[in-house]
Amino acid sequence: MTPKVETNCTAFQTAIDVLGRPWTAQILNVLQDGPLRFCGIGDRIPGLGDKVLSARLKELEARGLMVRSVEPGPPVKVAYELTDQGRSFNKVAQAIHRWGQEIEAAEKG
């Protein structure tokens, strides 16, 4: 039997806080393939506005899940890339996806 996860610990709550923010999972997912510029991220996530994208990128960078690199220009090029910690979201996303499939299957009967 798999050990139960302690959901009242700060580590679990931190993860939930990160993933509970709108668009965060989608941003982490599109960056799994490698670095992207701001407009590249926005283009891959329909409905995500620039203001929210900017805020989420700052949050992810502050948490150490992503790094922002600036190449001097002209024109100046800014790219966003996941850290190892940010790339590890892929394992979490896969687990959530499997769980969602199980829920959908159960709902269908």
Protein backbone atom coordinates (compact mmCIF):
# COMPACT_ATOMS: atom_id res chain seq x y z
CA MET A 1 0.00 0.00 0.00
CA THR A 2 1.27 3.46 -0.88
CA PRO A 3 1.84 5.66 2.17
CA LYS A 4 -0.67 8.42 2.74
CA VAL A 5 0.50 11.98 2.03
CA GLU A 6 0.31 14.45 4.90
CA THR A 7 -1.88 17.19 3.43
CA ASN A 8 -1.57 19.54 6.41
CA CYS A 9 2.20 19.99 6.05
CA THR A 10 3.68 23.18 4.64
CA ALA A 11 5.24 21.39 1.63
CA PHE A 12 1.87 20.09 0.45
CA GLN A 13 0.21 23.46 1.04
CA THR A 14 2.97 25.26 -0.87
CA ALA A 15 2.45 22.99 -3.88
CA ILE A 16 -1.31 23.55 -3.73
CA ASP A 17 -0.77 27.32 -3.46
CA VAL A 18 1.39 27.28 -6.61
CA LEU A 19 -0.94 25.09 -8.66
CA GLY A 20 -4.06 26.80 -7.33
CA ARG A 21 -3.16 30.05 -9.08
CA PRO A 22 -4.99 30.39 -12.40
CA TRP A 23 -2.86 29.58 -15.46
CA THR A 24 0.18 28.40 -13.49
CA ALA A 25 -0.13 24.75 -14.52
CA GLN A 26 -0.58 25.72 -18.16
CA ILE A 27 2.51 27.95 -18.07
CA LEU A 28 4.60 25.23 -16.43
CA ASN A 29 3.33 22.78 -19.03
CA VAL A 30 4.16 24.85 -22.13
CA LEU A 31 7.65 25.57 -20.80
CA GLN A 32 8.37 21.84 -20.49
CA ASP A 33 9.56 21.81 -24.13
CA GLY A 34 12.20 24.47 -23.53
CA PRO A 35 12.67 28.23 -23.24
CA LEU A 36 10.11 30.57 -24.74
CA ARG A 37 9.72 34.28 -25.10
CA PHE A 38 6.77 36.08 -23.50
CA CYS A 39 4.71 36.15 -26.68
CA GLY A 40 5.49 32.48 -27.35
CA ILE A 41 4.01 31.50 -24.00
CA GLY A 42 0.94 33.66 -24.53
CA ASP A 43 0.38 32.28 -28.03
CA ARG A 44 0.33 28.71 -26.70
CA ILE A 45 -2.24 29.42 -23.96
CA PRO A 46 -5.50 30.76 -25.43
CA GLY A 47 -7.34 33.16 -23.13
CA LEU A 48 -4.30 34.09 -21.01
CA GLY A 49 -3.90 37.85 -20.87
CA ASP A 50 -0.56 39.66 -20.79
CA LYS A 51 -1.10 41.15 -17.33
CA VAL A 52 -1.80 37.77 -15.73
CA LEU A 53 1.02 36.09 -17.67
CA SER A 54 3.46 38.72 -16.46
CA ALA A 55 2.34 38.27 -12.84
CA ARG A 56 2.56 34.46 -13.01
CA LEU A 57 6.03 34.56 -14.58
CA LYS A 58 7.24 36.81 -11.76
CA GLU A 59 5.74 34.46 -9.17
CA LEU A 60 7.30 31.38 -10.78
CA GLU A 61 10.68 33.09 -10.94
CA ALA A 62 10.44 34.17 -7.29
CA ARG A 63 9.70 30.57 -6.27
CA GLY A 64 12.68 29.27 -8.22
CA LEU A 65 10.58 27.32 -10.72
CA MET A 66 11.69 29.38 -13.70
CA VAL A 67 14.52 31.67 -14.75
CA ARG A 68 14.33 34.76 -16.92
CA SER A 69 17.27 35.40 -19.21
CA VAL A 70 17.94 38.61 -21.09
CA GLU A 71 20.05 38.73 -24.24
CA PRO A 72 21.24 42.24 -25.02
CA GLY A 73 20.17 43.67 -28.31
CA PRO A 74 19.08 45.46 -30.14
CA PRO A 75 16.55 44.09 -29.97
CA VAL A 76 16.68 42.86 -26.39
CA LYS A 77 15.45 39.27 -26.16
CA VAL A 78 13.92 37.92 -22.98
CA ALA A 79 13.31 34.19 -22.58
CA TYR A 80 11.78 32.13 -19.81
CA GLU A 81 13.01 28.65 -18.95
CA LEU A 82 12.12 26.15 -16.25
CA THR A 83 14.60 25.18 -13.58
CA ASP A 84 15.00 21.51 -12.64
CA GLN A 85 12.39 22.11 -9.95
CA GLY A 86 10.01 23.60 -12.52
CA ARG A 87 10.57 20.71 -14.94
CA SER A 88 9.65 18.26 -12.17
CA PHE A 89 6.08 19.57 -12.50
CA ASN A 90 5.75 17.17 -15.43
CA LYS A 91 5.56 14.22 -13.00
CA VAL A 92 2.84 15.98 -11.04
CA ALA A 93 0.92 16.83 -14.23
CA GLN A 94 1.05 13.21 -15.37
CA ALA A 95 -0.30 12.03 -12.00
CA ILE A 96 -3.11 14.61 -12.10
CA HIS A 97 -3.94 13.58 -15.68
CA ARG A 98 -4.18 9.89 -14.71
CA TRP A 99 -6.37 10.78 -11.74
CA GLY A 100 -8.63 12.91 -13.97
CA GLN A 101 -9.00 10.01 -16.40
CA GLU A 102 -10.01 7.73 -13.52
CA ILE A 103 -12.61 10.25 -12.35
CA GLU A 104 -14.01 10.65 -15.87
CA ALA A 105 -14.22 6.87 -16.30
CA ALA A 106 -16.04 6.51 -12.98
CA GLU A 107 -18.50 9.28 -13.89
CA LYS A 108 -19.32 7.55 -17.17
CA GLY A 109 -20.23 4.45 -15.25
